[in-house]
Amino acid sequence: MSIRKSTPLDGPRILEIYEAGIQTGIATFETKAPSWEEWDQKFLAACRLVMVEEQVVIGWAALSAVSKRAVYRGVAEVTIYVDPNFQGRGVGKALLQELIVQSEAAGFWTLQASIFKENAASIRLHLGAGFREVGYRERVAQRDGVWKDNLLLERRSALI
């Protein structure tokens, strides 16, 4: 397995993995994967990563801006998805660790994640990578007509 920057050629596989995560019902409020164009606009150009095994993308990670205001230019939200067939093999951990390294090199000082309270694996992953719980948002939004709670996790760069 190796990690590299993603390219538009990875788009179909990224969206396939994203769709699998959406179908769990505990990964995102989204109910269907976006088009590649929508995905490309949503995520920052910096720090788009894929994990590849035998030339097949098995996981991806990317950052999105939390605000358009210049003062928050170093704050980004983490998104990470792993093909269900490769979960539990350290793919998410490796992607998140590399995302942290690359985000700091790109000038990000705070990474945050909003995670459904039911998504214990993602919470453990982020806590293990140095994130800490900074908030709990009760009934923040609905997914398929059901109110969901989110934990807000944050990681500050050691560089600040």
N, C-alpha and C. Protein backbone atom coordinates (compact mmCIF):
# COMPACT_ATOMS: atom_id res chain seq x y z
N MET A 1 0.84 -1.18 0.00
CA MET A 1 0.00 0.00 0.00
C MET A 1 0.88 1.24 0.00
N SER A 2 0.42 2.26 -0.70
CA SER A 2 1.15 3.53 -0.71
C SER A 2 0.16 4.68 -0.78
N ILE A 3 0.63 5.83 -0.32
CA ILE A 3 -0.19 7.05 -0.34
C ILE A 3 0.40 7.99 -1.37
N ARG A 4 -0.49 8.62 -2.13
CA ARG A 4 -0.05 9.62 -3.10
C ARG A 4 -1.14 10.68 -3.22
N LYS A 5 -0.79 11.77 -3.90
CA LYS A 5 -1.79 12.79 -4.17
C LYS A 5 -2.80 12.23 -5.16
N SER A 6 -4.05 12.61 -4.97
CA SER A 6 -5.07 12.13 -5.90
C SER A 6 -5.03 12.94 -7.19
N THR A 7 -5.57 12.36 -8.23
CA THR A 7 -5.70 13.02 -9.52
C THR A 7 -7.16 12.86 -9.98
N PRO A 8 -7.58 13.64 -10.96
CA PRO A 8 -8.95 13.46 -11.48
C PRO A 8 -9.23 12.04 -11.97
N LEU A 9 -8.20 11.32 -12.38
CA LEU A 9 -8.42 9.93 -12.81
C LEU A 9 -8.88 9.04 -11.66
N ASP A 10 -8.61 9.46 -10.42
CA ASP A 10 -9.06 8.70 -9.25
C ASP A 10 -10.52 8.98 -8.93
N GLY A 11 -11.11 9.96 -9.60
CA GLY A 11 -12.46 10.41 -9.28
C GLY A 11 -13.51 9.31 -9.18
N PRO A 12 -13.65 8.45 -10.17
CA PRO A 12 -14.69 7.42 -10.07
C PRO A 12 -14.53 6.53 -8.84
N ARG A 13 -13.30 6.16 -8.54
CA ARG A 13 -13.08 5.29 -7.37
C ARG A 13 -13.30 6.05 -6.06
N ILE A 14 -12.88 7.31 -6.00
CA ILE A 14 -13.13 8.14 -4.81
C ILE A 14 -14.64 8.22 -4.56
N LEU A 15 -15.40 8.49 -5.60
CA LEU A 15 -16.85 8.61 -5.44
C LEU A 15 -17.50 7.28 -5.08
N GLU A 16 -16.96 6.19 -5.58
CA GLU A 16 -17.48 4.86 -5.23
C GLU A 16 -17.28 4.58 -3.74
N ILE A 17 -16.10 4.91 -3.24
CA ILE A 17 -15.81 4.72 -1.81
C ILE A 17 -16.67 5.65 -0.97
N TYR A 18 -16.83 6.89 -1.43
CA TYR A 18 -17.67 7.85 -0.74
C TYR A 18 -19.10 7.33 -0.64
N GLU A 19 -19.62 6.81 -1.74
CA GLU A 19 -20.98 6.26 -1.76
C GLU A 19 -21.12 5.11 -0.76
N ALA A 20 -20.12 4.26 -0.66
CA ALA A 20 -20.16 3.16 0.32
C ALA A 20 -20.24 3.71 1.74
N GLY A 21 -19.50 4.77 2.01
CA GLY A 21 -19.56 5.40 3.33
C GLY A 21 -20.92 6.02 3.59
N ILE A 22 -21.48 6.66 2.58
CA ILE A 22 -22.80 7.27 2.71
C ILE A 22 -23.83 6.22 3.08
N GLN A 23 -23.74 5.05 2.46
CA GLN A 23 -24.71 3.98 2.69
C GLN A 23 -24.71 3.44 4.12
N THR A 24 -23.64 3.68 4.88
CA THR A 24 -23.61 3.22 6.28
C THR A 24 -24.60 3.99 7.13
N GLY A 25 -24.92 5.21 6.72
CA GLY A 25 -25.82 6.04 7.49
C GLY A 25 -25.19 6.73 8.68
N ILE A 26 -23.91 6.49 8.94
CA ILE A 26 -23.24 7.11 10.10
C ILE A 26 -21.98 7.89 9.72
N ALA A 27 -21.79 8.13 8.44
CA ALA A 27 -20.57 8.80 8.01
C ALA A 27 -20.78 10.25 7.61
N THR A 28 -21.97 10.60 7.15
CA THR A 28 -22.21 11.94 6.63
C THR A 28 -23.71 12.20 6.55
N PHE A 29 -24.06 13.47 6.49
CA PHE A 29 -25.45 13.83 6.26
C PHE A 29 -25.84 13.68 4.79
N GLU A 30 -24.85 13.58 3.92
CA GLU A 30 -25.13 13.38 2.50
C GLU A 30 -25.88 12.07 2.31
N THR A 31 -26.74 12.02 1.31
CA THR A 31 -27.48 10.79 1.03
C THR A 31 -27.12 10.20 -0.33
N LYS A 32 -26.30 10.93 -1.09
CA LYS A 32 -25.77 10.38 -2.33
C LYS A 32 -24.46 11.10 -2.65
N ALA A 33 -23.59 10.40 -3.33
CA ALA A 33 -22.30 10.99 -3.69
C ALA A 33 -22.51 12.11 -4.70
N PRO A 34 -21.71 13.15 -4.61
CA PRO A 34 -21.82 14.25 -5.57
C PRO A 34 -21.21 13.85 -6.91
N SER A 35 -21.37 14.71 -7.90
CA SER A 35 -20.65 14.52 -9.16
C SER A 35 -19.18 14.82 -8.89
N TRP A 36 -18.31 14.43 -9.81
CA TRP A 36 -16.90 14.75 -9.64
C TRP A 36 -16.68 16.26 -9.59
N GLU A 37 -17.39 16.99 -10.40
CA GLU A 37 -17.25 18.45 -10.42
C GLU A 37 -17.62 19.04 -9.06
N GLU A 38 -18.71 18.56 -8.46
CA GLU A 38 -19.11 19.04 -7.13
C GLU A 38 -18.07 18.67 -6.08
N TRP A 39 -17.57 17.44 -6.14
CA TRP A 39 -16.54 17.00 -5.20
C TRP A 39 -15.31 17.89 -5.33
N ASP A 40 -14.90 18.13 -6.56
CA ASP A 40 -13.71 18.93 -6.84
C ASP A 40 -13.86 20.36 -6.31
N GLN A 41 -15.04 20.91 -6.36
CA GLN A 41 -15.27 22.26 -5.83
C GLN A 41 -15.34 22.28 -4.32
N LYS A 42 -15.82 21.21 -3.72
CA LYS A 42 -16.00 21.14 -2.26
C LYS A 42 -14.66 21.05 -1.53
N PHE A 43 -13.73 20.27 -2.07
CA PHE A 43 -12.49 19.99 -1.35
C PHE A 43 -11.36 20.87 -1.86
N LEU A 44 -10.54 21.32 -0.91
CA LEU A 44 -9.40 22.17 -1.23
C LEU A 44 -8.42 21.42 -2.14
N ALA A 45 -7.74 22.15 -2.99
CA ALA A 45 -6.76 21.53 -3.89
C ALA A 45 -5.59 20.95 -3.12
N ALA A 46 -5.24 21.56 -2.01
CA ALA A 46 -4.14 21.06 -1.18
C ALA A 46 -4.57 19.81 -0.42
N CYS A 47 -3.67 18.90 -0.25
CA CYS A 47 -3.85 17.76 0.66
C CYS A 47 -4.93 16.77 0.24
N ARG A 48 -5.09 16.51 -1.02
CA ARG A 48 -5.99 15.46 -1.48
C ARG A 48 -5.16 14.19 -1.64
N LEU A 49 -5.49 13.20 -0.84
CA LEU A 49 -4.67 11.99 -0.81
C LEU A 49 -5.49 10.74 -1.13
N VAL A 50 -4.83 9.75 -1.70
CA VAL A 50 -5.42 8.43 -1.86
C VAL A 50 -4.42 7.38 -1.38
N MET A 51 -4.96 6.31 -0.84
CA MET A 51 -4.18 5.12 -0.52
C MET A 51 -4.44 4.14 -1.64
N VAL A 52 -3.37 3.57 -2.16
CA VAL A 52 -3.47 2.68 -3.31
C VAL A 52 -2.85 1.33 -2.96
N GLU A 53 -3.53 0.26 -3.36
CA GLU A 53 -2.97 -1.09 -3.25
C GLU A 53 -3.12 -1.74 -4.61
N GLU A 54 -2.03 -2.19 -5.15
CA GLU A 54 -2.02 -2.80 -6.49
C GLU A 54 -2.73 -1.91 -7.51
N GLN A 55 -2.42 -0.63 -7.48
CA GLN A 55 -2.92 0.38 -8.40
C GLN A 55 -4.42 0.66 -8.28
N VAL A 56 -5.04 0.22 -7.19
CA VAL A 56 -6.47 0.46 -6.95
C VAL A 56 -6.59 1.35 -5.72
N VAL A 57 -7.37 2.43 -5.85
CA VAL A 57 -7.61 3.32 -4.71
C VAL A 57 -8.48 2.59 -3.69
N ILE A 58 -8.00 2.54 -2.44
CA ILE A 58 -8.74 1.85 -1.38
C ILE A 58 -9.18 2.80 -0.26
N GLY A 59 -8.76 4.05 -0.35
CA GLY A 59 -9.17 5.04 0.63
C GLY A 59 -8.75 6.42 0.18
N TRP A 60 -9.38 7.44 0.74
CA TRP A 60 -9.02 8.81 0.36
C TRP A 60 -9.24 9.74 1.54
N ALA A 61 -8.54 10.86 1.49
CA ALA A 61 -8.67 11.90 2.51
C ALA A 61 -8.52 13.25 1.83
N ALA A 62 -9.25 14.23 2.34
CA ALA A 62 -9.18 15.57 1.77
C ALA A 62 -9.61 16.58 2.83
N LEU A 63 -9.35 17.84 2.54
CA LEU A 63 -9.70 18.94 3.43
C LEU A 63 -10.71 19.85 2.74
N SER A 64 -11.59 20.44 3.54
CA SER A 64 -12.49 21.48 3.04
C SER A 64 -12.39 22.68 3.96
N ALA A 65 -12.59 23.84 3.38
CA ALA A 65 -12.51 25.08 4.15
C ALA A 65 -13.68 25.16 5.13
N VAL A 66 -13.43 25.71 6.30
CA VAL A 66 -14.52 25.92 7.26
C VAL A 66 -15.12 27.30 7.13
N SER A 67 -14.42 28.20 6.45
CA SER A 67 -14.89 29.56 6.27
C SER A 67 -14.17 30.18 5.08
N LYS A 68 -14.81 31.16 4.46
CA LYS A 68 -14.17 31.91 3.38
C LYS A 68 -13.39 33.10 3.92
N ARG A 69 -13.54 33.40 5.19
CA ARG A 69 -12.84 34.53 5.80
C ARG A 69 -11.35 34.24 5.89
N ALA A 70 -10.54 35.22 5.55
CA ALA A 70 -9.09 35.05 5.52
C ALA A 70 -8.50 34.63 6.85
N VAL A 71 -9.09 35.07 7.96
CA VAL A 71 -8.53 34.74 9.27
C VAL A 71 -8.60 33.24 9.57
N TYR A 72 -9.46 32.52 8.85
CA TYR A 72 -9.59 31.07 9.05
C TYR A 72 -8.90 30.26 7.96
N ARG A 73 -7.99 30.88 7.23
CA ARG A 73 -7.33 30.21 6.10
C ARG A 73 -6.55 28.97 6.54
N GLY A 74 -6.16 28.90 7.79
CA GLY A 74 -5.40 27.76 8.29
C GLY A 74 -6.23 26.74 9.04
N VAL A 75 -7.55 26.83 8.90
CA VAL A 75 -8.46 25.90 9.57
C VAL A 75 -9.23 25.13 8.50
N ALA A 76 -9.22 23.81 8.62
CA ALA A 76 -9.89 22.99 7.60
C ALA A 76 -10.59 21.81 8.26
N GLU A 77 -11.62 21.32 7.58
CA GLU A 77 -12.31 20.13 8.04
C GLU A 77 -11.78 18.90 7.31
N VAL A 78 -11.57 17.86 8.06
CA VAL A 78 -11.03 16.60 7.55
C VAL A 78 -12.17 15.71 7.06
N THR A 79 -11.97 15.11 5.89
CA THR A 79 -12.86 14.07 5.39
C THR A 79 -12.00 12.88 5.02
N ILE A 80 -12.40 11.70 5.49
CA ILE A 80 -11.61 10.50 5.21
C ILE A 80 -12.57 9.31 5.04
N TYR A 81 -12.35 8.56 3.99
CA TYR A 81 -13.18 7.39 3.70
C TYR A 81 -12.29 6.23 3.27
N VAL A 82 -12.67 5.03 3.71
CA VAL A 82 -11.92 3.81 3.37
C VAL A 82 -12.90 2.80 2.79
N ASP A 83 -12.50 2.16 1.71
CA ASP A 83 -13.28 1.08 1.12
C ASP A 83 -13.63 0.08 2.23
N PRO A 84 -14.90 -0.31 2.36
CA PRO A 84 -15.28 -1.25 3.43
C PRO A 84 -14.47 -2.54 3.44
N ASN A 85 -14.00 -2.98 2.29
CA ASN A 85 -13.21 -4.21 2.22
C ASN A 85 -11.81 -4.06 2.80
N PHE A 86 -11.41 -2.82 3.09
CA PHE A 86 -10.06 -2.57 3.59
C PHE A 86 -10.07 -1.92 4.97
N GLN A 87 -11.23 -1.79 5.57
CA GLN A 87 -11.31 -1.20 6.90
C GLN A 87 -10.69 -2.14 7.93
N GLY A 88 -10.12 -1.54 8.97
CA GLY A 88 -9.48 -2.33 10.02
C GLY A 88 -8.07 -2.77 9.70
N ARG A 89 -7.50 -2.24 8.62
CA ARG A 89 -6.14 -2.63 8.20
C ARG A 89 -5.15 -1.47 8.30
N GLY A 90 -5.53 -0.39 8.96
CA GLY A 90 -4.63 0.74 9.13
C GLY A 90 -4.65 1.75 8.01
N VAL A 91 -5.55 1.60 7.06
CA VAL A 91 -5.62 2.52 5.92
C VAL A 91 -6.01 3.91 6.40
N GLY A 92 -7.06 4.01 7.19
CA GLY A 92 -7.49 5.30 7.71
C GLY A 92 -6.43 5.98 8.55
N LYS A 93 -5.77 5.20 9.39
CA LYS A 93 -4.72 5.75 10.25
C LYS A 93 -3.58 6.32 9.41
N ALA A 94 -3.14 5.58 8.42
CA ALA A 94 -2.04 6.04 7.57
C ALA A 94 -2.44 7.29 6.79
N LEU A 95 -3.65 7.30 6.25
CA LEU A 95 -4.12 8.46 5.50
C LEU A 95 -4.21 9.69 6.40
N LEU A 96 -4.76 9.53 7.59
CA LEU A 96 -4.91 10.66 8.50
C LEU A 96 -3.55 11.18 8.95
N GLN A 97 -2.62 10.29 9.25
CA GLN A 97 -1.28 10.74 9.63
C GLN A 97 -0.61 11.53 8.52
N GLU A 98 -0.72 11.06 7.29
CA GLU A 98 -0.11 11.78 6.16
C GLU A 98 -0.85 13.09 5.90
N LEU A 99 -2.15 13.08 6.06
CA LEU A 99 -2.93 14.31 5.89
C LEU A 99 -2.48 15.37 6.89
N ILE A 100 -2.21 14.96 8.11
CA ILE A 100 -1.72 15.89 9.14
C ILE A 100 -0.38 16.48 8.71
N VAL A 101 0.54 15.63 8.29
CA VAL A 101 1.86 16.10 7.86
C VAL A 101 1.73 17.08 6.70
N GLN A 102 0.97 16.70 5.69
CA GLN A 102 0.84 17.56 4.52
C GLN A 102 0.07 18.85 4.82
N SER A 103 -0.92 18.77 5.70
CA SER A 103 -1.67 19.98 6.03
C SER A 103 -0.79 20.98 6.77
N GLU A 104 0.05 20.51 7.66
CA GLU A 104 0.96 21.42 8.36
C GLU A 104 1.96 22.05 7.39
N ALA A 105 2.46 21.25 6.47
CA ALA A 105 3.39 21.78 5.46
C ALA A 105 2.72 22.82 4.58
N ALA A 106 1.40 22.70 4.41
CA ALA A 106 0.64 23.64 3.58
C ALA A 106 0.15 24.86 4.38
N GLY A 107 0.47 24.91 5.68
CA GLY A 107 0.14 26.07 6.48
C GLY A 107 -1.15 25.99 7.29
N PHE A 108 -1.73 24.81 7.40
CA PHE A 108 -2.93 24.66 8.23
C PHE A 108 -2.52 24.47 9.69
N TRP A 109 -3.18 25.20 10.58
CA TRP A 109 -2.84 25.10 12.00
C TRP A 109 -3.92 24.40 12.82
N THR A 110 -5.10 24.26 12.25
CA THR A 110 -6.17 23.55 12.96
C THR A 110 -6.92 22.67 11.97
N LEU A 111 -7.09 21.40 12.36
CA LEU A 111 -7.93 20.47 11.61
C LEU A 111 -9.11 20.13 12.51
N GLN A 112 -10.28 20.06 11.93
CA GLN A 112 -11.44 19.68 12.71
C GLN A 112 -12.21 18.58 12.00
N ALA A 113 -13.02 17.89 12.78
CA ALA A 113 -13.86 16.82 12.24
C ALA A 113 -15.18 16.82 12.99
N SER A 114 -16.27 16.72 12.27
CA SER A 114 -17.60 16.54 12.85
C SER A 114 -17.99 15.10 12.57
N ILE A 115 -18.20 14.34 13.64
CA ILE A 115 -18.41 12.90 13.49
C ILE A 115 -19.68 12.48 14.22
N PHE A 116 -20.51 11.69 13.55
CA PHE A 116 -21.71 11.16 14.20
C PHE A 116 -21.29 10.38 15.44
N LYS A 117 -22.03 10.54 16.53
CA LYS A 117 -21.66 9.86 17.77
C LYS A 117 -21.68 8.34 17.61
N GLU A 118 -22.44 7.82 16.63
CA GLU A 118 -22.49 6.38 16.39
C GLU A 118 -21.25 5.85 15.68
N ASN A 119 -20.46 6.73 15.11
CA ASN A 119 -19.31 6.32 14.30
C ASN A 119 -18.07 6.15 15.20
N ALA A 120 -18.12 5.11 16.03
CA ALA A 120 -17.07 4.88 17.02
C ALA A 120 -15.69 4.68 16.38
N ALA A 121 -15.64 4.02 15.25
CA ALA A 121 -14.34 3.78 14.60
C ALA A 121 -13.69 5.09 14.17
N SER A 122 -14.46 6.01 13.63
CA SER A 122 -13.91 7.29 13.20
C SER A 122 -13.49 8.14 14.40
N ILE A 123 -14.28 8.09 15.45
CA ILE A 123 -13.92 8.82 16.67
C ILE A 123 -12.59 8.30 17.22
N ARG A 124 -12.45 6.99 17.32
CA ARG A 124 -11.18 6.39 17.80
C ARG A 124 -10.02 6.77 16.90
N LEU A 125 -10.24 6.74 15.59
CA LEU A 125 -9.19 7.09 14.63
C LEU A 125 -8.69 8.51 14.89
N HIS A 126 -9.60 9.44 15.00
CA HIS A 126 -9.21 10.84 15.18
C HIS A 126 -8.58 11.09 16.55
N LEU A 127 -9.15 10.52 17.59
CA LEU A 127 -8.56 10.68 18.93
C LEU A 127 -7.14 10.11 18.95
N GLY A 128 -6.93 8.99 18.29
CA GLY A 128 -5.61 8.37 18.22
C GLY A 128 -4.60 9.19 17.45
N ALA A 129 -5.09 10.11 16.62
CA ALA A 129 -4.20 10.97 15.82
C ALA A 129 -4.00 12.34 16.47
N GLY A 130 -4.39 12.46 17.71
CA GLY A 130 -4.16 13.71 18.43
C GLY A 130 -5.29 14.71 18.42
N PHE A 131 -6.45 14.33 17.88
CA PHE A 131 -7.62 15.19 17.96
C PHE A 131 -8.18 15.11 19.37
N ARG A 132 -8.89 16.15 19.79
CA ARG A 132 -9.56 16.15 21.09
C ARG A 132 -10.98 16.62 20.89
N GLU A 133 -11.86 16.17 21.76
CA GLU A 133 -13.25 16.59 21.68
C GLU A 133 -13.37 18.01 22.19
N VAL A 134 -13.94 18.89 21.38
CA VAL A 134 -14.14 20.28 21.78
C VAL A 134 -15.61 20.65 21.86
N GLY A 135 -16.48 19.75 21.43
CA GLY A 135 -17.90 20.06 21.50
C GLY A 135 -18.78 18.89 21.14
N TYR A 136 -20.02 19.06 21.51
CA TYR A 136 -21.05 18.07 21.20
C TYR A 136 -22.25 18.83 20.68
N ARG A 137 -22.63 18.54 19.45
CA ARG A 137 -23.76 19.24 18.84
C ARG A 137 -24.95 18.29 18.79
N GLU A 138 -25.91 18.56 19.65
CA GLU A 138 -27.09 17.72 19.76
C GLU A 138 -28.12 18.09 18.71
N ARG A 139 -28.61 17.07 18.02
CA ARG A 139 -29.65 17.27 17.01
C ARG A 139 -29.27 18.40 16.05
N VAL A 140 -28.07 18.31 15.51
CA VAL A 140 -27.55 19.38 14.67
C VAL A 140 -28.20 19.40 13.28
N ALA A 141 -28.60 18.25 12.79
CA ALA A 141 -29.25 18.16 11.48
C ALA A 141 -29.90 16.78 11.35
N GLN A 142 -30.70 16.63 10.30
CA GLN A 142 -31.38 15.36 10.08
C GLN A 142 -30.76 14.59 8.93
N ARG A 143 -30.77 13.30 9.09
CA ARG A 143 -30.38 12.37 8.02
C ARG A 143 -31.55 11.42 7.84
N ASP A 144 -32.13 11.41 6.67
CA ASP A 144 -33.29 10.56 6.38
C ASP A 144 -34.40 10.76 7.40
N GLY A 145 -34.63 12.01 7.81
CA GLY A 145 -35.70 12.34 8.73
C GLY A 145 -35.41 12.06 10.20
N VAL A 146 -34.19 11.65 10.51
CA VAL A 146 -33.80 11.35 11.89
C VAL A 146 -32.76 12.36 12.36
N TRP A 147 -33.01 12.99 13.51
CA TRP A 147 -32.05 13.93 14.06
C TRP A 147 -30.78 13.21 14.46
N LYS A 148 -29.64 13.81 14.15
CA LYS A 148 -28.33 13.23 14.46
C LYS A 148 -27.52 14.19 15.31
N ASP A 149 -26.74 13.61 16.21
CA ASP A 149 -25.80 14.36 17.03
C ASP A 149 -24.41 14.21 16.44
N ASN A 150 -23.59 15.23 16.62
CA ASN A 150 -22.20 15.20 16.15
C ASN A 150 -21.25 15.55 17.28
N LEU A 151 -20.12 14.87 17.29
CA LEU A 151 -19.01 15.29 18.12
C LEU A 151 -18.13 16.19 17.27
N LEU A 152 -17.66 17.27 17.85
CA LEU A 152 -16.73 18.15 17.15
C LEU A 152 -15.35 17.90 17.72
N LEU A 153 -14.46 17.42 16.89
CA LEU A 153 -13.09 17.13 17.28
C LEU A 153 -12.15 18.12 16.59
N GLU A 154 -11.03 18.38 17.25
CA GLU A 154 -10.08 19.36 16.72
C GLU A 154 -8.66 18.92 17.04
N ARG A 155 -7.78 19.23 16.11
CA ARG A 155 -6.34 18.99 16.31
C ARG A 155 -5.60 20.25 15.96
N ARG A 156 -4.80 20.73 16.90
CA ARG A 156 -3.99 21.91 16.68
C ARG A 156 -2.59 21.47 16.29
N SER A 157 -2.01 22.18 15.35
CA SER A 157 -0.66 21.89 14.91
C SER A 157 0.33 22.16 16.03
N ALA A 158 1.34 21.35 16.12
CA ALA A 158 2.41 21.59 17.08
C ALA A 158 3.26 22.76 16.63
N LEU A 159 3.05 23.24 15.41
CA LEU A 159 3.86 24.33 14.86
C LEU A 159 3.41 25.69 15.34
N ILE A 160 2.26 25.79 16.03
CA ILE A 160 1.82 27.11 16.51
C ILE A 160 2.01 27.25 18.00
